[in-house]
Amino acid sequence: MLSIKNIIFEEIQNFRENKNHGKLKAGGKRFWIGIASVYDGEIEEVHTYEEAKRNDFHHSFYFSPNALEKIDNEESMVFWVDEFGVEGEWTHGKIPQNIVDLIGQQIDII
């Protein structure tokens, strides 16, 4: 019989190994990384951890050309979801907290 401690440890391991900690409330797609508008926080594109890993975690190989243009023009910023929640400090700076909060309203952290 598994102890509570072992069950919790197993859940934490599964969570960390999965990496796809975000789930869009609209549509239910699970993801790890995405972009959101710096103007209104709308999530515009998301990708799984596996997609990123297959592309050596280089965003220019898996984000769409439109997304890459928005990132370059600083209209959208990259964010990802990990065990601590929404993270958004990246090449173009840190996503403001109000945008992080708006992203959080559109996803479930799983």
N, C-alpha and C. Protein backbone atom coordinates (compact mmCIF):
# COMPACT_ATOMS: atom_id res chain seq x y z
N MET A 1 0.85 -1.19 0.00
CA MET A 1 0.00 0.00 0.00
C MET A 1 0.89 1.24 0.00
N LEU A 2 0.53 2.19 -0.86
CA LEU A 2 1.30 3.44 -0.95
C LEU A 2 0.90 4.40 0.16
N SER A 3 1.90 5.04 0.71
CA SER A 3 1.63 6.06 1.72
C SER A 3 1.24 7.36 1.04
N ILE A 4 0.66 8.24 1.79
CA ILE A 4 0.30 9.56 1.27
C ILE A 4 1.55 10.26 0.73
N LYS A 5 2.65 10.14 1.44
CA LYS A 5 3.90 10.76 1.02
C LYS A 5 4.34 10.23 -0.35
N ASN A 6 4.24 8.93 -0.55
CA ASN A 6 4.61 8.33 -1.84
C ASN A 6 3.68 8.76 -2.96
N ILE A 7 2.40 8.86 -2.66
CA ILE A 7 1.42 9.30 -3.66
C ILE A 7 1.71 10.74 -4.07
N ILE A 8 1.97 11.60 -3.11
CA ILE A 8 2.28 13.01 -3.41
C ILE A 8 3.56 13.09 -4.22
N PHE A 9 4.58 12.34 -3.84
CA PHE A 9 5.84 12.33 -4.57
C PHE A 9 5.62 11.88 -6.01
N GLU A 10 4.82 10.84 -6.21
CA GLU A 10 4.52 10.34 -7.56
C GLU A 10 3.79 11.40 -8.39
N GLU A 11 2.85 12.11 -7.78
CA GLU A 11 2.12 13.17 -8.48
C GLU A 11 3.07 14.30 -8.89
N ILE A 12 3.97 14.67 -8.00
CA ILE A 12 4.94 15.73 -8.31
C ILE A 12 5.83 15.29 -9.46
N GLN A 13 6.30 14.05 -9.44
CA GLN A 13 7.14 13.53 -10.53
C GLN A 13 6.39 13.55 -11.85
N ASN A 14 5.14 13.09 -11.85
CA ASN A 14 4.34 13.09 -13.08
C ASN A 14 4.15 14.51 -13.61
N PHE A 15 3.92 15.44 -12.70
CA PHE A 15 3.73 16.84 -13.08
C PHE A 15 4.99 17.37 -13.75
N ARG A 16 6.14 17.12 -13.14
CA ARG A 16 7.40 17.63 -13.67
C ARG A 16 7.78 16.96 -14.99
N GLU A 17 7.51 15.70 -15.13
CA GLU A 17 7.86 14.99 -16.35
C GLU A 17 6.97 15.37 -17.51
N ASN A 18 5.73 15.71 -17.24
CA ASN A 18 4.78 16.03 -18.30
C ASN A 18 5.16 17.31 -19.02
N LYS A 19 5.49 18.35 -18.29
CA LYS A 19 5.90 19.67 -18.81
C LYS A 19 4.76 20.49 -19.41
N ASN A 20 3.68 19.89 -19.89
CA ASN A 20 2.56 20.65 -20.46
C ASN A 20 1.62 21.05 -19.33
N HIS A 21 1.98 22.14 -18.65
CA HIS A 21 1.27 22.54 -17.44
C HIS A 21 0.10 23.47 -17.71
N GLY A 22 -0.06 23.92 -18.94
CA GLY A 22 -1.16 24.80 -19.26
C GLY A 22 -2.23 24.09 -20.05
N LYS A 23 -3.45 24.52 -19.85
CA LYS A 23 -4.58 24.00 -20.63
C LYS A 23 -5.50 25.16 -20.93
N LEU A 24 -5.71 25.42 -22.22
CA LEU A 24 -6.59 26.52 -22.60
C LEU A 24 -8.02 26.23 -22.15
N LYS A 25 -8.65 27.19 -21.52
CA LYS A 25 -10.04 27.02 -21.11
C LYS A 25 -10.93 26.92 -22.35
N ALA A 26 -10.60 27.65 -23.39
CA ALA A 26 -11.33 27.57 -24.65
C ALA A 26 -10.69 26.48 -25.51
N GLY A 27 -11.32 25.36 -25.59
CA GLY A 27 -10.83 24.29 -26.44
C GLY A 27 -10.08 23.18 -25.74
N GLY A 28 -9.52 23.45 -24.56
CA GLY A 28 -8.88 22.41 -23.78
C GLY A 28 -7.51 21.95 -24.22
N LYS A 29 -6.89 22.65 -25.16
CA LYS A 29 -5.56 22.22 -25.62
C LYS A 29 -4.54 22.37 -24.51
N ARG A 30 -3.75 21.30 -24.31
CA ARG A 30 -2.66 21.36 -23.33
C ARG A 30 -1.42 21.91 -24.02
N PHE A 31 -0.63 22.68 -23.26
CA PHE A 31 0.54 23.33 -23.85
C PHE A 31 1.57 23.64 -22.78
N TRP A 32 2.73 24.07 -23.27
CA TRP A 32 3.81 24.50 -22.38
C TRP A 32 4.16 25.97 -22.61
N ILE A 33 4.22 26.39 -23.86
CA ILE A 33 4.71 27.73 -24.19
C ILE A 33 3.75 28.39 -25.18
N GLY A 34 3.72 29.70 -25.15
CA GLY A 34 2.85 30.42 -26.08
C GLY A 34 3.23 31.88 -26.18
N ILE A 35 2.43 32.60 -26.93
CA ILE A 35 2.58 34.06 -26.98
C ILE A 35 1.24 34.69 -26.65
N ALA A 36 1.33 35.88 -26.08
CA ALA A 36 0.14 36.66 -25.74
C ALA A 36 0.38 38.11 -26.13
N SER A 37 -0.68 38.78 -26.50
CA SER A 37 -0.63 40.19 -26.87
C SER A 37 -0.21 41.04 -25.67
N VAL A 38 0.69 41.98 -25.90
CA VAL A 38 1.09 42.89 -24.83
C VAL A 38 0.02 43.94 -24.56
N TYR A 39 -0.96 44.05 -25.45
CA TYR A 39 -2.00 45.06 -25.32
C TYR A 39 -3.18 44.59 -24.46
N ASP A 40 -3.61 43.33 -24.68
CA ASP A 40 -4.78 42.87 -23.95
C ASP A 40 -4.61 41.49 -23.33
N GLY A 41 -3.41 40.90 -23.44
CA GLY A 41 -3.14 39.61 -22.82
C GLY A 41 -3.75 38.41 -23.52
N GLU A 42 -4.39 38.63 -24.66
CA GLU A 42 -5.01 37.52 -25.37
C GLU A 42 -3.94 36.52 -25.82
N ILE A 43 -4.16 35.27 -25.50
CA ILE A 43 -3.25 34.21 -25.94
C ILE A 43 -3.48 34.00 -27.44
N GLU A 44 -2.40 34.07 -28.19
CA GLU A 44 -2.51 34.03 -29.65
C GLU A 44 -2.04 32.71 -30.26
N GLU A 45 -1.13 32.02 -29.59
CA GLU A 45 -0.60 30.77 -30.12
C GLU A 45 0.06 30.01 -28.98
N VAL A 46 -0.11 28.69 -28.96
CA VAL A 46 0.52 27.85 -27.94
C VAL A 46 1.14 26.62 -28.58
N HIS A 47 2.13 26.05 -27.86
CA HIS A 47 2.82 24.84 -28.33
C HIS A 47 3.15 23.96 -27.14
N THR A 48 3.25 22.67 -27.40
CA THR A 48 3.57 21.72 -26.35
C THR A 48 5.07 21.70 -26.08
N TYR A 49 5.41 21.15 -24.95
CA TYR A 49 6.82 20.96 -24.58
C TYR A 49 7.50 20.07 -25.61
N GLU A 50 6.79 19.05 -26.06
CA GLU A 50 7.36 18.12 -27.02
C GLU A 50 7.71 18.82 -28.34
N GLU A 51 6.83 19.73 -28.80
CA GLU A 51 7.12 20.50 -30.02
C GLU A 51 8.39 21.32 -29.84
N ALA A 52 8.48 21.99 -28.71
CA ALA A 52 9.66 22.82 -28.44
C ALA A 52 10.93 21.96 -28.37
N LYS A 53 10.84 20.84 -27.69
CA LYS A 53 12.00 19.96 -27.55
C LYS A 53 12.46 19.43 -28.91
N ARG A 54 11.51 19.03 -29.76
CA ARG A 54 11.86 18.53 -31.10
C ARG A 54 12.60 19.58 -31.92
N ASN A 55 12.37 20.85 -31.59
CA ASN A 55 12.99 21.96 -32.31
C ASN A 55 14.09 22.63 -31.49
N ASP A 56 14.69 21.85 -30.62
CA ASP A 56 15.82 22.29 -29.79
C ASP A 56 15.48 23.55 -28.99
N PHE A 57 14.22 23.71 -28.64
CA PHE A 57 13.72 24.83 -27.84
C PHE A 57 13.99 26.18 -28.50
N HIS A 58 14.15 26.19 -29.81
CA HIS A 58 14.37 27.46 -30.51
C HIS A 58 13.05 27.91 -31.11
N HIS A 59 12.49 28.97 -30.53
CA HIS A 59 11.14 29.42 -30.88
C HIS A 59 10.94 29.67 -32.37
N SER A 60 11.99 30.07 -33.07
CA SER A 60 11.82 30.40 -34.50
C SER A 60 11.56 29.17 -35.36
N PHE A 61 11.74 27.98 -34.79
CA PHE A 61 11.50 26.76 -35.54
C PHE A 61 10.10 26.19 -35.36
N TYR A 62 9.35 26.69 -34.38
CA TYR A 62 8.01 26.12 -34.19
C TYR A 62 6.89 27.16 -34.08
N PHE A 63 7.19 28.40 -33.75
CA PHE A 63 6.15 29.43 -33.81
C PHE A 63 5.90 29.81 -35.26
N SER A 64 4.67 30.21 -35.55
CA SER A 64 4.31 30.58 -36.91
C SER A 64 5.04 31.86 -37.33
N PRO A 65 5.17 32.10 -38.63
CA PRO A 65 5.79 33.36 -39.09
C PRO A 65 5.09 34.59 -38.53
N ASN A 66 3.77 34.55 -38.44
CA ASN A 66 3.01 35.67 -37.89
C ASN A 66 3.38 35.91 -36.43
N ALA A 67 3.49 34.83 -35.67
CA ALA A 67 3.87 34.95 -34.26
C ALA A 67 5.28 35.51 -34.12
N LEU A 68 6.19 35.03 -34.94
CA LEU A 68 7.57 35.52 -34.88
C LEU A 68 7.65 37.01 -35.18
N GLU A 69 6.84 37.46 -36.14
CA GLU A 69 6.81 38.89 -36.47
C GLU A 69 6.29 39.70 -35.28
N LYS A 70 5.24 39.20 -34.63
CA LYS A 70 4.68 39.90 -33.47
C LYS A 70 5.68 39.94 -32.31
N ILE A 71 6.45 38.86 -32.14
CA ILE A 71 7.48 38.84 -31.10
C ILE A 71 8.55 39.87 -31.43
N ASP A 72 9.02 39.86 -32.68
CA ASP A 72 10.07 40.80 -33.09
C ASP A 72 9.63 42.25 -32.96
N ASN A 73 8.35 42.51 -33.26
CA ASN A 73 7.80 43.87 -33.17
C ASN A 73 7.37 44.23 -31.76
N GLU A 74 7.55 43.30 -30.84
CA GLU A 74 7.18 43.47 -29.44
C GLU A 74 5.69 43.77 -29.24
N GLU A 75 4.87 43.20 -30.14
CA GLU A 75 3.42 43.27 -30.01
C GLU A 75 2.91 42.12 -29.15
N SER A 76 3.69 41.04 -29.13
CA SER A 76 3.36 39.85 -28.35
C SER A 76 4.61 39.41 -27.61
N MET A 77 4.38 38.76 -26.48
CA MET A 77 5.51 38.27 -25.69
C MET A 77 5.34 36.78 -25.43
N VAL A 78 6.46 36.13 -25.30
CA VAL A 78 6.48 34.70 -25.01
C VAL A 78 6.25 34.47 -23.52
N PHE A 79 5.45 33.46 -23.23
CA PHE A 79 5.24 33.02 -21.85
C PHE A 79 5.24 31.49 -21.85
N TRP A 80 5.46 30.91 -20.71
CA TRP A 80 5.34 29.47 -20.56
C TRP A 80 4.76 29.18 -19.20
N VAL A 81 4.31 27.95 -19.03
CA VAL A 81 3.68 27.54 -17.79
C VAL A 81 4.51 26.42 -17.18
N ASP A 82 4.95 26.65 -15.95
CA ASP A 82 5.70 25.61 -15.25
C ASP A 82 5.04 25.37 -13.90
N GLU A 83 5.72 24.62 -13.07
CA GLU A 83 5.13 24.25 -11.79
C GLU A 83 4.87 25.44 -10.88
N PHE A 84 5.43 26.61 -11.21
CA PHE A 84 5.24 27.80 -10.40
C PHE A 84 4.17 28.73 -10.96
N GLY A 85 3.63 28.41 -12.13
CA GLY A 85 2.60 29.22 -12.76
C GLY A 85 3.06 29.78 -14.08
N VAL A 86 2.54 30.95 -14.44
CA VAL A 86 2.88 31.61 -15.70
C VAL A 86 4.19 32.35 -15.54
N GLU A 87 5.14 32.03 -16.40
CA GLU A 87 6.45 32.68 -16.41
C GLU A 87 6.56 33.52 -17.68
N GLY A 88 7.17 34.68 -17.57
CA GLY A 88 7.23 35.54 -18.74
C GLY A 88 8.41 36.48 -18.78
N GLU A 89 9.54 36.08 -18.27
CA GLU A 89 10.74 36.91 -18.38
C GLU A 89 11.61 36.29 -19.45
N TRP A 90 11.80 37.03 -20.54
CA TRP A 90 12.41 36.46 -21.72
C TRP A 90 13.22 37.52 -22.43
N THR A 91 13.62 37.26 -23.65
CA THR A 91 14.49 38.15 -24.43
C THR A 91 14.02 39.60 -24.44
N HIS A 92 12.74 39.82 -24.61
CA HIS A 92 12.22 41.18 -24.73
C HIS A 92 11.77 41.76 -23.39
N GLY A 93 12.23 41.18 -22.32
CA GLY A 93 11.88 41.72 -21.01
C GLY A 93 10.90 40.84 -20.28
N LYS A 94 10.24 41.42 -19.32
CA LYS A 94 9.31 40.70 -18.47
C LYS A 94 7.88 41.14 -18.78
N ILE A 95 6.99 40.18 -18.88
CA ILE A 95 5.59 40.50 -19.11
C ILE A 95 5.03 41.19 -17.87
N PRO A 96 4.36 42.32 -18.04
CA PRO A 96 3.77 43.01 -16.89
C PRO A 96 2.77 42.12 -16.15
N GLN A 97 2.64 42.32 -14.86
CA GLN A 97 1.78 41.47 -14.04
C GLN A 97 0.33 41.48 -14.51
N ASN A 98 -0.16 42.63 -14.99
CA ASN A 98 -1.55 42.66 -15.43
C ASN A 98 -1.77 41.75 -16.64
N ILE A 99 -0.76 41.62 -17.51
CA ILE A 99 -0.87 40.72 -18.66
C ILE A 99 -0.77 39.27 -18.20
N VAL A 100 0.11 39.00 -17.25
CA VAL A 100 0.22 37.64 -16.68
C VAL A 100 -1.13 37.25 -16.07
N ASP A 101 -1.77 38.18 -15.38
CA ASP A 101 -3.09 37.91 -14.78
C ASP A 101 -4.13 37.60 -15.86
N LEU A 102 -4.08 38.33 -16.97
CA LEU A 102 -5.02 38.08 -18.07
C LEU A 102 -4.76 36.72 -18.73
N ILE A 103 -3.50 36.37 -18.87
CA ILE A 103 -3.17 35.04 -19.39
C ILE A 103 -3.73 33.97 -18.45
N GLY A 104 -3.54 34.20 -17.16
CA GLY A 104 -4.02 33.25 -16.15
C GLY A 104 -5.52 33.03 -16.20
N GLN A 105 -6.28 34.04 -16.62
CA GLN A 105 -7.73 33.90 -16.73
C GLN A 105 -8.15 33.00 -17.90
N GLN A 106 -7.25 32.79 -18.86
CA GLN A 106 -7.57 32.03 -20.06
C GLN A 106 -7.10 30.57 -19.98
N ILE A 107 -6.41 30.23 -18.91
CA ILE A 107 -5.84 28.88 -18.82
C ILE A 107 -6.12 28.25 -17.47
N ASP A 108 -5.98 26.94 -17.46
CA ASP A 108 -5.91 26.20 -16.21
C ASP A 108 -4.49 25.69 -16.09
N ILE A 109 -3.93 25.78 -14.91
CA ILE A 109 -2.60 25.21 -14.68
C ILE A 109 -2.84 23.80 -14.15
N ILE A 110 -2.27 22.85 -14.86
CA ILE A 110 -2.55 21.44 -14.52
C ILE A 110 -1.26 20.71 -14.18
